[in-house]
Protein backbone atom coordinates (compact mmCIF):
# COMPACT_ATOMS: atom_id res chain seq x y z
CA MET A 1 0.04 -0.04 0.03
CA ARG A 2 2.83 2.41 0.77
CA TYR A 3 4.08 1.94 -2.82
CA VAL A 4 1.04 2.72 -4.50
CA LYS A 5 0.79 6.08 -2.33
CA HIS A 6 4.43 6.98 -3.33
CA PHE A 7 3.60 6.23 -6.87
CA ASN A 8 0.43 8.16 -6.89
CA ALA A 9 2.26 11.19 -5.55
CA LEU A 10 5.18 10.79 -8.27
CA CYS A 11 2.47 10.56 -10.94
CA GLY A 12 1.14 13.79 -9.31
CA ILE A 13 4.43 15.69 -9.52
CA TYR A 14 5.06 14.34 -12.79
CA PHE A 15 1.95 15.89 -14.27
CA PHE A 16 2.02 19.03 -12.49
CA MET A 17 5.57 19.88 -14.19
CA GLU A 18 4.60 18.48 -17.81
CA GLY A 19 1.35 20.89 -17.59
CA PHE A 20 3.22 23.95 -16.19
CA LYS A 21 6.20 23.70 -18.40
CA GLU A 22 4.18 23.29 -21.55
CA ARG A 23 1.60 26.04 -20.42
CA LEU A 24 4.31 28.47 -19.30
CA LYS A 25 5.98 28.26 -22.74
CA GLU A 26 2.89 28.27 -24.72
CA LEU A 27 1.97 31.70 -22.99
CA ARG A 28 5.33 33.34 -23.29
CA GLU A 29 5.26 32.59 -26.83
CA GLU A 30 1.59 33.61 -27.34
CA LYS A 31 2.48 36.96 -25.90
CA GLY A 32 5.85 37.04 -28.25
CA LEU A 33 8.04 37.43 -25.56
CA ASN A 34 11.59 35.83 -24.73
CA GLN A 35 12.49 34.28 -21.35
CA THR A 36 14.38 37.11 -20.45
CA GLU A 37 11.57 39.57 -20.80
CA VAL A 38 8.99 37.39 -18.92
CA ALA A 39 11.90 36.89 -16.18
CA LYS A 40 12.32 40.62 -15.49
CA ALA A 41 8.60 41.00 -15.37
CA VAL A 42 8.36 38.86 -12.51
CA ASN A 43 11.54 39.37 -10.94
CA LEU A 44 13.55 36.21 -11.97
CA THR A 45 16.54 35.30 -13.94
CA GLN A 46 16.28 34.00 -17.57
CA THR A 47 17.94 30.80 -16.60
CA THR A 48 15.09 30.21 -14.02
CA ILE A 49 12.38 30.67 -16.59
CA SER A 50 14.37 28.20 -18.73
CA GLY A 51 14.70 25.76 -15.85
CA TYR A 52 10.78 25.99 -15.68
CA GLU A 53 10.16 25.40 -19.47
CA ILE A 54 12.31 22.36 -19.44
CA GLY A 55 11.08 20.74 -16.40
CA TYR A 56 14.32 20.94 -14.35
CA ARG A 57 12.92 23.52 -11.66
CA GLU A 58 9.46 24.25 -10.57
CA PRO A 59 8.11 27.52 -8.79
CA ASP A 60 7.31 28.18 -5.09
CA PHE A 61 3.98 29.56 -4.76
CA GLN A 62 4.79 32.95 -4.61
CA THR A 63 6.53 33.03 -8.03
CA LEU A 64 3.37 30.84 -9.13
CA LYS A 65 1.03 33.65 -8.22
CA LYS A 66 3.55 36.22 -9.85
CA LEU A 67 3.53 34.05 -13.19
CA CYS A 68 -0.37 33.99 -12.92
CA ASP A 69 -0.83 37.53 -12.39
CA PHE A 70 1.49 38.36 -15.52
CA PHE A 71 -0.07 36.36 -18.00
CA GLU A 72 -3.62 36.78 -16.27
CA VAL A 73 -4.44 33.12 -15.96
CA SER A 74 -5.52 30.89 -13.06
CA ALA A 75 -3.13 28.66 -10.94
CA GLY A 76 -5.34 25.84 -12.29
CA TYR A 77 -4.78 26.83 -15.97
CA LEU A 78 -1.12 27.43 -15.67
CA LEU A 79 -0.70 24.06 -14.01
CA GLY A 80 -2.48 22.49 -16.55
CA PHE A 81 -5.42 21.22 -14.67
CA GLU A 82 -7.87 23.36 -16.55
CA GLU A 83 -8.89 25.11 -19.66
CA ILE A 84 -9.73 28.71 -20.17
């Protein structure tokens, strides 16, 4: 039973990262922005945005909120859980 819980948790993290990285890149490209421009707007580095988009890094809650505010979308949308 313990293994099932860990597997489910890992699947949830994977789903989160896949949805997030795809949506972040999609939103950035729709606005015609490069990673540096997004990074400056939310007070991050280009390397951090790149890490998010390739799935190497994940944002904390404050950063997630900044990104949602910047792109004017819900956290559920940015995380890939819902459609607009």
